[in-house]
PDB file of N, CA and C in Angstrom:
ATOM      1  N   MET A   1      45.992 112.419  38.574  1.00  0.00           N
ATOM      2  CA  MET A   1      45.950 112.912  39.961  1.00  0.00           C
ATOM      3  C   MET A   1      44.779 113.893  40.115  1.00  0.00           C
ATOM      4  N   ILE A   2      43.905 113.600  41.034  1.00  0.00           N
ATOM      5  CA  ILE A   2      42.744 114.454  41.279  1.00  0.00           C
ATOM      6  C   ILE A   2      43.114 115.523  42.307  1.00  0.00           C
ATOM      7  N   LYS A   3      42.814 116.771  41.978  1.00  0.00           N
ATOM      8  CA  LYS A   3      43.065 117.857  42.932  1.00  0.00           C
ATOM      9  C   LYS A   3      42.016 117.787  44.026  1.00  0.00           C
ATOM     10  N   GLU A   4      42.449 118.044  45.267  1.00  0.00           N
ATOM     11  CA  GLU A   4      41.509 118.051  46.386  1.00  0.00           C
ATOM     12  C   GLU A   4      41.743 119.284  47.252  1.00  0.00           C
ATOM     13  N   ILE A   5      40.690 119.635  47.970  1.00  0.00           N
ATOM     14  CA  ILE A   5      40.741 120.747  48.915  1.00  0.00           C
ATOM     15  C   ILE A   5      40.045 120.261  50.184  1.00  0.00           C
ATOM     16  N   ASP A   6      40.501 120.735  51.340  1.00  0.00           N
ATOM     17  CA  ASP A   6      39.806 120.348  52.576  1.00  0.00           C
ATOM     18  C   ASP A   6      38.886 121.482  53.014  1.00  0.00           C
ATOM     19  N   ALA A   7      38.069 121.198  54.021  1.00  0.00           N
ATOM     20  CA  ALA A   7      37.058 122.166  54.465  1.00  0.00           C
ATOM     21  C   ALA A   7      37.692 123.484  54.894  1.00  0.00           C
ATOM     22  N   TYR A   8      38.819 123.416  55.597  1.00  0.00           N
ATOM     23  CA  TYR A   8      39.478 124.630  56.072  1.00  0.00           C
ATOM     24  C   TYR A   8      39.899 125.521  54.896  1.00  0.00           C
ATOM     25  N   ASP A   9      40.562 124.913  53.904  1.00  0.00           N
ATOM     26  CA  ASP A   9      41.022 125.703  52.758  1.00  0.00           C
ATOM     27  C   ASP A   9      39.865 126.244  51.937  1.00  0.00           C
ATOM     28  N   LEU A  10      38.782 125.480  51.833  1.00  0.00           N
ATOM     29  CA  LEU A  10      37.605 125.967  51.120  1.00  0.00           C
ATOM     30  C   LEU A  10      36.983 127.143  51.864  1.00  0.00           C
ATOM     31  N   GLN A  11      36.869 127.025  53.176  1.00  0.00           N
ATOM     32  CA  GLN A  11      36.323 128.123  53.980  1.00  0.00           C
ATOM     33  C   GLN A  11      37.167 129.381  53.801  1.00  0.00           C
ATOM     34  N   THR A  12      38.484 129.211  53.742  1.00  0.00           N
ATOM     35  CA  THR A  12      39.393 130.349  53.533  1.00  0.00           C
ATOM     36  C   THR A  12      39.129 130.998  52.182  1.00  0.00           C
ATOM     37  N   ARG A  13      38.979 130.179  51.148  1.00  0.00           N
ATOM     38  CA  ARG A  13      38.714 130.723  49.810  1.00  0.00           C
ATOM     39  C   ARG A  13      37.379 131.456  49.773  1.00  0.00           C
ATOM     40  N   ILE A  14      36.364 130.923  50.446  1.00  0.00           N
ATOM     41  CA  ILE A  14      35.056 131.583  50.505  1.00  0.00           C
ATOM     42  C   ILE A  14      35.190 132.927  51.222  1.00  0.00           C
ATOM     43  N   ALA A  15      35.866 132.915  52.372  1.00  0.00           N
ATOM     44  CA  ALA A  15      36.033 134.130  53.177  1.00  0.00           C
ATOM     45  C   ALA A  15      36.810 135.205  52.416  1.00  0.00           C
ATOM     46  N   GLU A  16      37.742 134.785  51.567  1.00  0.00           N
ATOM     47  CA  GLU A  16      38.545 135.739  50.802  1.00  0.00           C
ATOM     48  C   GLU A  16      37.836 136.212  49.535  1.00  0.00           C
ATOM     49  N   GLY A  17      36.644 135.680  49.272  1.00  0.00           N
ATOM     50  CA  GLY A  17      35.879 136.093  48.106  1.00  0.00           C
ATOM     51  C   GLY A  17      36.457 135.578  46.795  1.00  0.00           C
ATOM     52  N   ASP A  18      37.165 134.474  46.860  1.00  0.00           N
ATOM     53  CA  ASP A  18      37.751 133.856  45.674  1.00  0.00           C
ATOM     54  C   ASP A  18      36.681 133.562  44.627  1.00  0.00           C
ATOM     55  N   ASP A  19      37.053 133.645  43.375  1.00  0.00           N
ATOM     56  CA  ASP A  19      36.121 133.391  42.278  1.00  0.00           C
ATOM     57  C   ASP A  19      36.228 131.937  41.830  1.00  0.00           C
ATOM     58  N   PHE A  20      35.227 131.143  42.169  1.00  0.00           N
ATOM     59  CA  PHE A  20      35.172 129.742  41.767  1.00  0.00           C
ATOM     60  C   PHE A  20      33.725 129.295  41.775  1.00  0.00           C
ATOM     61  N   VAL A  21      33.474 128.137  41.204  1.00  0.00           N
ATOM     62  CA  VAL A  21      32.130 127.569  41.199  1.00  0.00           C
ATOM     63  C   VAL A  21      32.100 126.431  42.207  1.00  0.00           C
ATOM     64  N   LEU A  22      31.098 126.448  43.084  1.00  0.00           N
ATOM     65  CA  LEU A  22      30.925 125.394  44.078  1.00  0.00           C
ATOM     66  C   LEU A  22      29.725 124.566  43.654  1.00  0.00           C
ATOM     67  N   LEU A  23      29.953 123.294  43.409  1.00  0.00           N
ATOM     68  CA  LEU A  23      28.939 122.433  42.818  1.00  0.00           C
ATOM     69  C   LEU A  23      28.567 121.292  43.751  1.00  0.00           C
ATOM     70  N   ASP A  24      27.297 121.246  44.133  1.00  0.00           N
ATOM     71  CA  ASP A  24      26.753 120.147  44.938  1.00  0.00           C
ATOM     72  C   ASP A  24      26.240 119.103  43.954  1.00  0.00           C
ATOM     73  N   ILE A  25      26.844 117.909  43.964  1.00  0.00           N
ATOM     74  CA  ILE A  25      26.447 116.897  42.983  1.00  0.00           C
ATOM     75  C   ILE A  25      25.560 115.810  43.596  1.00  0.00           C
ATOM     76  N   ARG A  26      25.047 116.058  44.799  1.00  0.00           N
ATOM     77  CA  ARG A  26      24.175 115.074  45.448  1.00  0.00           C
ATOM     78  C   ARG A  26      22.804 115.041  44.786  1.00  0.00           C
ATOM     79  N   SER A  27      22.026 114.047  45.149  1.00  0.00           N
ATOM     80  CA  SER A  27      20.671 113.917  44.606  1.00  0.00           C
ATOM     81  C   SER A  27      19.760 114.995  45.207  1.00  0.00           C
ATOM     82  N   ASP A  28      18.624 115.207  44.567  1.00  0.00           N
ATOM     83  CA  ASP A  28      17.665 116.206  45.060  1.00  0.00           C
ATOM     84  C   ASP A  28      17.281 115.937  46.511  1.00  0.00           C
ATOM     85  N   GLY A  29      17.047 114.675  46.849  1.00  0.00           N
ATOM     86  CA  GLY A  29      16.632 114.312  48.201  1.00  0.00           C
ATOM     87  C   GLY A  29      17.654 114.649  49.264  1.00  0.00           C
ATOM     88  N   GLU A  30      18.935 114.607  48.902  1.00  0.00           N
ATOM     89  CA  GLU A  30      19.989 114.889  49.881  1.00  0.00           C
ATOM     90  C   GLU A  30      20.106 116.372  50.220  1.00  0.00           C
ATOM     91  N   LEU A  31      19.580 117.235  49.365  1.00  0.00           N
ATOM     92  CA  LEU A  31      19.716 118.680  49.585  1.00  0.00           C
ATOM     93  C   LEU A  31      19.009 119.137  50.857  1.00  0.00           C
ATOM     94  N   ALA A  32      17.994 118.403  51.281  1.00  0.00           N
ATOM     95  CA  ALA A  32      17.242 118.770  52.480  1.00  0.00           C
ATOM     96  C   ALA A  32      18.112 118.724  53.734  1.00  0.00           C
ATOM     97  N   GLN A  33      19.213 118.004  53.676  1.00  0.00           N
ATOM     98  CA  GLN A  33      20.117 117.902  54.830  1.00  0.00           C
ATOM     99  C   GLN A  33      20.979 119.148  54.990  1.00  0.00           C
ATOM    100  N   GLY A  34      20.888 120.063  54.031  1.00  0.00           N
ATOM    101  CA  GLY A  34      21.696 121.278  54.072  1.00  0.00           C
ATOM    102  C   GLY A  34      22.668 121.305  52.913  1.00  0.00           C
ATOM    103  N   VAL A  35      23.132 122.504  52.594  1.00  0.00           N
ATOM    104  CA  VAL A  35      24.067 122.698  51.491  1.00  0.00           C
ATOM    105  C   VAL A  35      25.172 123.645  51.931  1.00  0.00           C
ATOM    106  N   LEU A  36      26.248 123.689  51.164  1.00  0.00           N
ATOM    107  CA  LEU A  36      27.307 124.654  51.450  1.00  0.00           C
ATOM    108  C   LEU A  36      26.865 126.029  50.952  1.00  0.00           C
ATOM    109  N   PRO A  37      27.285 127.091  51.630  1.00  0.00           N
ATOM    110  CA  PRO A  37      26.900 128.442  51.214  1.00  0.00           C
ATOM    111  C   PRO A  37      27.310 128.709  49.763  1.00  0.00           C
ATOM    112  N   ASP A  38      26.406 129.298  48.997  1.00  0.00           N
ATOM    113  CA  ASP A  38      26.638 129.703  47.601  1.00  0.00           C
ATOM    114  C   ASP A  38      26.857 128.546  46.631  1.00  0.00           C
ATOM    115  N   ALA A  39      26.450 127.341  47.018  1.00  0.00           N
ATOM    116  CA  ALA A  39      26.606 126.200  46.114  1.00  0.00           C
ATOM    117  C   ALA A  39      25.526 126.193  45.039  1.00  0.00           C
ATOM    118  N   GLN A  40      25.890 125.667  43.882  1.00  0.00           N
ATOM    119  CA  GLN A  40      24.933 125.403  42.813  1.00  0.00           C
ATOM    120  C   GLN A  40      24.704 123.895  42.789  1.00  0.00           C
ATOM    121  N   HIS A  41      23.569 123.482  42.270  1.00  0.00           N
ATOM    122  CA  HIS A  41      23.245 122.056  42.267  1.00  0.00           C
ATOM    123  C   HIS A  41      23.309 121.494  40.854  1.00  0.00           C
ATOM    124  N   LEU A  42      24.074 120.421  40.702  1.00  0.00           N
ATOM    125  CA  LEU A  42      24.112 119.667  39.449  1.00  0.00           C
ATOM    126  C   LEU A  42      24.268 118.199  39.835  1.00  0.00           C
ATOM    127  N   PRO A  43      23.145 117.461  39.863  1.00  0.00           N
ATOM    128  CA  PRO A  43      23.225 116.050  40.250  1.00  0.00           C
ATOM    129  C   PRO A  43      24.262 115.300  39.420  1.00  0.00           C
ATOM    130  N   MET A  44      24.969 114.389  40.064  1.00  0.00           N
ATOM    131  CA  MET A  44      26.078 113.691  39.419  1.00  0.00           C
ATOM    132  C   MET A  44      25.690 113.074  38.076  1.00  0.00           C
ATOM    133  N   HIS A  45      24.509 112.483  37.999  1.00  0.00           N
ATOM    134  CA  HIS A  45      24.129 111.796  36.768  1.00  0.00           C
ATOM    135  C   HIS A  45      23.913 112.744  35.584  1.00  0.00           C
ATOM    136  N   LEU A  46      23.804 114.048  35.854  1.00  0.00           N
ATOM    137  CA  LEU A  46      23.609 115.032  34.783  1.00  0.00           C
ATOM    138  C   LEU A  46      24.916 115.666  34.305  1.00  0.00           C
ATOM    139  N   ILE A  47      26.012 115.392  34.999  1.00  0.00           N
ATOM    140  CA  ILE A  47      27.294 116.021  34.635  1.00  0.00           C
ATOM    141  C   ILE A  47      27.670 115.764  33.173  1.00  0.00           C
ATOM    142  N   PRO A  48      27.591 114.518  32.671  1.00  0.00           N
ATOM    143  CA  PRO A  48      27.975 114.311  31.265  1.00  0.00           C
ATOM    144  C   PRO A  48      27.158 115.141  30.283  1.00  0.00           C
ATOM    145  N   MET A  49      25.886 115.373  30.595  1.00  0.00           N
ATOM    146  CA  MET A  49      25.018 116.124  29.689  1.00  0.00           C
ATOM    147  C   MET A  49      25.169 117.629  29.830  1.00  0.00           C
ATOM    148  N   ARG A  50      25.621 118.077  30.997  1.00  0.00           N
ATOM    149  CA  ARG A  50      25.649 119.525  31.251  1.00  0.00           C
ATOM    150  C   ARG A  50      27.033 120.085  31.537  1.00  0.00           C
ATOM    151  N   MET A  51      28.077 119.278  31.345  1.00  0.00           N
ATOM    152  CA  MET A  51      29.413 119.767  31.706  1.00  0.00           C
ATOM    153  C   MET A  51      29.864 120.951  30.854  1.00  0.00           C
ATOM    154  N   THR A  52      29.275 121.135  29.668  1.00  0.00           N
ATOM    155  CA  THR A  52      29.654 122.290  28.851  1.00  0.00           C
ATOM    156  C   THR A  52      29.248 123.603  29.519  1.00  0.00           C
ATOM    157  N   GLU A  53      28.358 123.528  30.508  1.00  0.00           N
ATOM    158  CA  GLU A  53      27.950 124.722  31.259  1.00  0.00           C
ATOM    159  C   GLU A  53      28.995 125.125  32.294  1.00  0.00           C
ATOM    160  N   LEU A  54      29.944 124.223  32.573  1.00  0.00           N
ATOM    161  CA  LEU A  54      30.958 124.499  33.592  1.00  0.00           C
ATOM    162  C   LEU A  54      32.086 125.328  32.989  1.00  0.00           C
ATOM    163  N   PRO A  55      32.563 126.320  33.743  1.00  0.00           N
ATOM    164  CA  PRO A  55      33.660 127.140  33.222  1.00  0.00           C
ATOM    165  C   PRO A  55      34.973 126.350  33.194  1.00  0.00           C
ATOM    166  N   LYS A  56      35.820 126.688  32.231  1.00  0.00           N
ATOM    167  CA  LYS A  56      37.156 126.084  32.190  1.00  0.00           C
ATOM    168  C   LYS A  56      38.205 127.079  32.660  1.00  0.00           C
ATOM    169  N   ASP A  57      37.765 128.331  32.907  1.00  0.00           N
ATOM    170  CA  ASP A  57      38.713 129.385  33.244  1.00  0.00           C
ATOM    171  C   ASP A  57      38.762 129.710  34.738  1.00  0.00           C
ATOM    172  N   LYS A  58      38.025 128.948  35.548  1.00  0.00           N
ATOM    173  CA  LYS A  58      38.137 129.104  37.001  1.00  0.00           C
ATOM    174  C   LYS A  58      37.851 127.757  37.653  1.00  0.00           C
ATOM    175  N   ASP A  59      38.275 127.629  38.901  1.00  0.00           N
ATOM    176  CA  ASP A  59      38.119 126.356  39.607  1.00  0.00           C
ATOM    177  C   ASP A  59      36.656 125.978  39.782  1.00  0.00           C
ATOM    178  N   VAL A  60      36.388 124.702  39.642  1.00  0.00           N
ATOM    179  CA  VAL A  60      35.070 124.139  39.904  1.00  0.00           C
ATOM    180  C   VAL A  60      35.271 123.142  41.045  1.00  0.00           C
ATOM    181  N   ILE A  61      34.733 123.474  42.222  1.00  0.00           N
ATOM    182  CA  ILE A  61      34.892 122.624  43.400  1.00  0.00           C
ATOM    183  C   ILE A  61      33.622 121.809  43.572  1.00  0.00           C
ATOM    184  N   LEU A  62      33.765 120.487  43.537  1.00  0.00           N
ATOM    185  CA  LEU A  62      32.636 119.577  43.626  1.00  0.00           C
ATOM    186  C   LEU A  62      32.578 118.951  45.010  1.00  0.00           C
ATOM    187  N   TYR A  63      31.354 118.725  45.489  1.00  0.00           N
ATOM    188  CA  TYR A  63      31.210 117.984  46.735  1.00  0.00           C
ATOM    189  C   TYR A  63      29.961 117.126  46.710  1.00  0.00           C
ATOM    190  N   CYS A  64      30.013 116.079  47.539  1.00  0.00           N
ATOM    191  CA  CYS A  64      28.862 115.190  47.726  1.00  0.00           C
ATOM    192  C   CYS A  64      28.732 114.972  49.234  1.00  0.00           C
ATOM    193  N   HIS A  65      28.223 113.828  49.642  1.00  0.00           N
ATOM    194  CA  HIS A  65      28.037 113.566  51.065  1.00  0.00           C
ATOM    195  C   HIS A  65      29.373 113.330  51.771  1.00  0.00           C
ATOM    196  N   SER A  66      30.170 112.402  51.247  1.00  0.00           N
ATOM    197  CA  SER A  66      31.421 112.041  51.931  1.00  0.00           C
ATOM    198  C   SER A  66      32.683 112.327  51.124  1.00  0.00           C
ATOM    199  N   GLY A  67      32.528 112.724  49.865  1.00  0.00           N
ATOM    200  CA  GLY A  67      33.691 113.008  49.026  1.00  0.00           C
ATOM    201  C   GLY A  67      34.002 111.917  48.013  1.00  0.00           C
ATOM    202  N   ALA A  68      33.324 110.777  48.108  1.00  0.00           N
ATOM    203  CA  ALA A  68      33.609 109.657  47.191  1.00  0.00           C
ATOM    204  C   ALA A  68      33.044 109.905  45.788  1.00  0.00           C
ATOM    205  N   ARG A  69      31.763 110.263  45.715  1.00  0.00           N
ATOM    206  CA  ARG A  69      31.152 110.516  44.401  1.00  0.00           C
ATOM    207  C   ARG A  69      31.796 111.717  43.716  1.00  0.00           C
ATOM    208  N   SER A  70      32.061 112.772  44.498  1.00  0.00           N
ATOM    209  CA  SER A  70      32.658 113.961  43.882  1.00  0.00           C
ATOM    210  C   SER A  70      34.080 113.681  43.409  1.00  0.00           C
ATOM    211  N   TYR A  71      34.785 112.774  44.079  1.00  0.00           N
ATOM    212  CA  TYR A  71      36.118 112.373  43.635  1.00  0.00           C
ATOM    213  C   TYR A  71      36.013 111.738  42.246  1.00  0.00           C
ATOM    214  N   HIS A  72      35.066 110.820  42.088  1.00  0.00           N
ATOM    215  CA  HIS A  72      34.879 110.153  40.799  1.00  0.00           C
ATOM    216  C   HIS A  72      34.408 111.148  39.729  1.00  0.00           C
ATOM    217  N   ALA A  73      33.564 112.093  40.114  1.00  0.00           N
ATOM    218  CA  ALA A  73      33.107 113.113  39.166  1.00  0.00           C
ATOM    219  C   ALA A  73      34.279 113.991  38.718  1.00  0.00           C
ATOM    220  N   CYS A  74      35.182 114.318  39.632  1.00  0.00           N
ATOM    221  CA  CYS A  74      36.379 115.100  39.284  1.00  0.00           C
ATOM    222  C   CYS A  74      37.261 114.308  38.315  1.00  0.00           C
ATOM    223  N   ALA A  75      37.396 112.999  38.568  1.00  0.00           N
ATOM    224  CA  ALA A  75      38.188 112.146  37.679  1.00  0.00           C
ATOM    225  C   ALA A  75      37.586 112.143  36.276  1.00  0.00           C
ATOM    226  N   TYR A  76      36.261 112.050  36.209  1.00  0.00           N
ATOM    227  CA  TYR A  76      35.568 112.072  34.921  1.00  0.00           C
ATOM    228  C   TYR A  76      35.811 113.403  34.204  1.00  0.00           C
ATOM    229  N   LEU A  77      35.646 114.507  34.928  1.00  0.00           N
ATOM    230  CA  LEU A  77      35.840 115.828  34.319  1.00  0.00           C
ATOM    231  C   LEU A  77      37.285 115.996  33.842  1.00  0.00           C
ATOM    232  N   ALA A  78      38.239 115.492  34.614  1.00  0.00           N
ATOM    233  CA  ALA A  78      39.649 115.570  34.226  1.00  0.00           C
ATOM    234  C   ALA A  78      39.875 114.812  32.912  1.00  0.00           C
ATOM    235  N   GLN A  79      39.227 113.673  32.767  1.00  0.00           N
ATOM    236  CA  GLN A  79      39.340 112.893  31.527  1.00  0.00           C
ATOM    237  C   GLN A  79      38.745 113.652  30.343  1.00  0.00           C
ATOM    238  N   GLN A  80      37.793 114.524  30.617  1.00  0.00           N
ATOM    239  CA  GLN A  80      37.138 115.305  29.565  1.00  0.00           C
ATOM    240  C   GLN A  80      37.861 116.624  29.297  1.00  0.00           C
ATOM    241  N   GLY A  81      39.002 116.818  29.934  1.00  0.00           N
ATOM    242  CA  GLY A  81      39.799 118.016  29.675  1.00  0.00           C
ATOM    243  C   GLY A  81      39.605 119.150  30.662  1.00  0.00           C
ATOM    244  N   TYR A  82      38.887 118.892  31.739  1.00  0.00           N
ATOM    245  CA  TYR A  82      38.705 119.922  32.768  1.00  0.00           C
ATOM    246  C   TYR A  82      39.812 119.770  33.817  1.00  0.00           C
ATOM    247  N   GLY A  83      40.852 120.581  33.696  1.00  0.00           N
ATOM    248  CA  GLY A  83      41.948 120.524  34.661  1.00  0.00           C
ATOM    249  C   GLY A  83      41.674 121.346  35.905  1.00  0.00           C
ATOM    250  N   ASN A  84      40.479 121.934  35.974  1.00  0.00           N
ATOM    251  CA  ASN A  84      40.134 122.855  37.056  1.00  0.00           C
ATOM    252  C   ASN A  84      39.131 122.260  38.042  1.00  0.00           C
ATOM    253  N   ALA A  85      38.865 120.949  37.951  1.00  0.00           N
ATOM    254  CA  ALA A  85      37.912 120.300  38.867  1.00  0.00           C
ATOM    255  C   ALA A  85      38.637 119.907  40.150  1.00  0.00           C
ATOM    256  N   ILE A  86      38.058 120.290  41.276  1.00  0.00           N
ATOM    257  CA  ILE A  86      38.661 120.031  42.592  1.00  0.00           C
ATOM    258  C   ILE A  86      37.627 119.345  43.478  1.00  0.00           C
ATOM    259  N   ASN A  87      38.041 118.284  44.144  1.00  0.00           N
ATOM    260  CA  ASN A  87      37.164 117.540  45.049  1.00  0.00           C
ATOM    261  C   ASN A  87      37.271 118.085  46.473  1.00  0.00           C
ATOM    262  N   LEU A  88      36.123 118.298  47.125  1.00  0.00           N
ATOM    263  CA  LEU A  88      36.128 118.646  48.546  1.00  0.00           C
ATOM    264  C   LEU A  88      36.302 117.357  49.336  1.00  0.00           C
ATOM    265  N   ARG A  89      37.491 117.152  49.880  1.00  0.00           N
ATOM    266  CA  ARG A  89      37.802 115.950  50.642  1.00  0.00           C
ATOM    267  C   ARG A  89      36.882 115.854  51.859  1.00  0.00           C
ATOM    268  N   GLY A  90      36.215 114.715  52.017  1.00  0.00           N
ATOM    269  CA  GLY A  90      35.312 114.525  53.150  1.00  0.00           C
ATOM    270  C   GLY A  90      33.889 114.988  52.885  1.00  0.00           C
ATOM    271  N   GLY A  91      33.676 115.655  51.764  1.00  0.00           N
ATOM    272  CA  GLY A  91      32.343 116.100  51.384  1.00  0.00           C
ATOM    273  C   GLY A  91      31.691 117.032  52.400  1.00  0.00           C
ATOM    274  N   ILE A  92      30.365 117.088  52.323  1.00  0.00           N
ATOM    275  CA  ILE A  92      29.619 117.970  53.226  1.00  0.00           C
ATOM    276  C   ILE A  92      29.723 117.470  54.670  1.00  0.00           C
ATOM    277  N   LEU A  93      29.956 116.173  54.815  1.00  0.00           N
ATOM    278  CA  LEU A  93      30.142 115.583  56.143  1.00  0.00           C
ATOM    279  C   LEU A  93      31.394 116.166  56.808  1.00  0.00           C
ATOM    280  N   GLY A  94      32.481 116.207  56.062  1.00  0.00           N
ATOM    281  CA  GLY A  94      33.728 116.769  56.575  1.00  0.00           C
ATOM    282  C   GLY A  94      33.602 118.251  56.873  1.00  0.00           C
ATOM    283  N   TRP A  95      32.841 118.948  56.026  1.00  0.00           N
ATOM    284  CA  TRP A  95      32.587 120.380  56.213  1.00  0.00           C
ATOM    285  C   TRP A  95      31.872 120.603  57.548  1.00  0.00           C
ATOM    286  N   ALA A  96      30.793 119.852  57.770  1.00  0.00           N
ATOM    287  CA  ALA A  96      30.014 120.000  59.001  1.00  0.00           C
ATOM    288  C   ALA A  96      30.831 119.591  60.222  1.00  0.00           C
ATOM    289  N   ARG A  97      31.605 118.512  60.100  1.00  0.00           N
ATOM    290  CA  ARG A  97      32.439 118.061  61.229  1.00  0.00           C
ATOM    291  C   ARG A  97      33.503 119.077  61.591  1.00  0.00           C
ATOM    292  N   SER A  98      33.896 119.900  60.617  1.00  0.00           N
ATOM    293  CA  SER A  98      34.888 120.943  60.881  1.00  0.00           C
ATOM    294  C   SER A  98      34.264 122.151  61.569  1.00  0.00           C
ATOM    295  N   GLY A  99      32.945 122.109  61.737  1.00  0.00           N
ATOM    296  CA  GLY A  99      32.255 123.186  62.451  1.00  0.00           C
ATOM    297  C   GLY A  99      31.797 124.321  61.569  1.00  0.00           C
ATOM    298  N   TYR A 100      31.859 124.136  60.258  1.00  0.00           N
ATOM    299  CA  TYR A 100      31.430 125.206  59.350  1.00  0.00           C
ATOM    300  C   TYR A 100      29.933 125.122  59.109  1.00  0.00           C
ATOM    301  N   GLN A 101      29.373 126.272  58.814  1.00  0.00           N
ATOM    302  CA  GLN A 101      27.926 126.402  58.710  1.00  0.00           C
ATOM    303  C   GLN A 101      27.387 125.846  57.396  1.00  0.00           C
ATOM    304  N   LEU A 102      26.187 125.282  57.488  1.00  0.00           N
ATOM    305  CA  LEU A 102      25.455 124.837  56.307  1.00  0.00           C
ATOM    306  C   LEU A 102      24.351 125.831  56.014  1.00  0.00           C
ATOM    307  N   ALA A 103      24.061 126.001  54.751  1.00  0.00           N
ATOM    308  CA  ALA A 103      22.931 126.831  54.349  1.00  0.00           C
ATOM    309  C   ALA A 103      21.712 125.923  54.182  1.00  0.00           C
ATOM    310  N   THR A 104      20.543 126.532  54.162  1.00  0.00           N
ATOM    311  CA  THR A 104      19.324 125.740  54.019  1.00  0.00           C
ATOM    312  C   THR A 104      18.893 125.634  52.567  1.00  0.00           C
ATOM    313  N   ARG A 105      19.425 126.519  51.719  1.00  0.00           N
ATOM    314  CA  ARG A 105      19.029 126.422  50.312  1.00  0.00           C
ATOM    315  C   ARG A 105      20.197 126.830  49.415  1.00  0.00           C
ATOM    316  N   LEU A 106      20.084 126.465  48.167  1.00  0.00           N
ATOM    317  CA  LEU A 106      21.133 126.718  47.188  1.00  0.00           C
ATOM    318  C   LEU A 106      21.153 128.174  46.741  1.00  0.00           C
ATOM    319  N   ALA A 107      22.278 128.567  46.178  1.00  0.00           N
ATOM    320  CA  ALA A 107      22.379 129.899  45.581  1.00  0.00           C
ATOM    321  C   ALA A 107      21.429 129.959  44.392  1.00  0.00           C
ATOM    322  N   SER A 108      20.891 131.125  44.129  1.00  0.00           N
ATOM    323  CA  SER A 108      19.963 131.227  42.986  1.00  0.00           C
ATOM    324  C   SER A 108      20.704 131.583  41.725  1.00  0.00           C
TER     325      SER A 108
END
């Protein structure tokens, strides 16, 4: 079972200053369309090589354009022992449709 969060609940966690990692797994080209505030970028194809960089002691919320790729990435991470991977249902599209703001660049 893949854990999921919707845009409203994610916005609430951001507003409350919750401690988690927000991961944009889209391609470099897709970033120009905007990103979620405070997101870090890790393209989906690099997850197997760089997943050891992800914390296991706090939630890692993944998103893509529509939520499909990030769902599969969460499933992969769960198979690798990451019980803290959460998919943003609807992706950045769902976030924008909910009226939440996009940032123009990633967190440094």
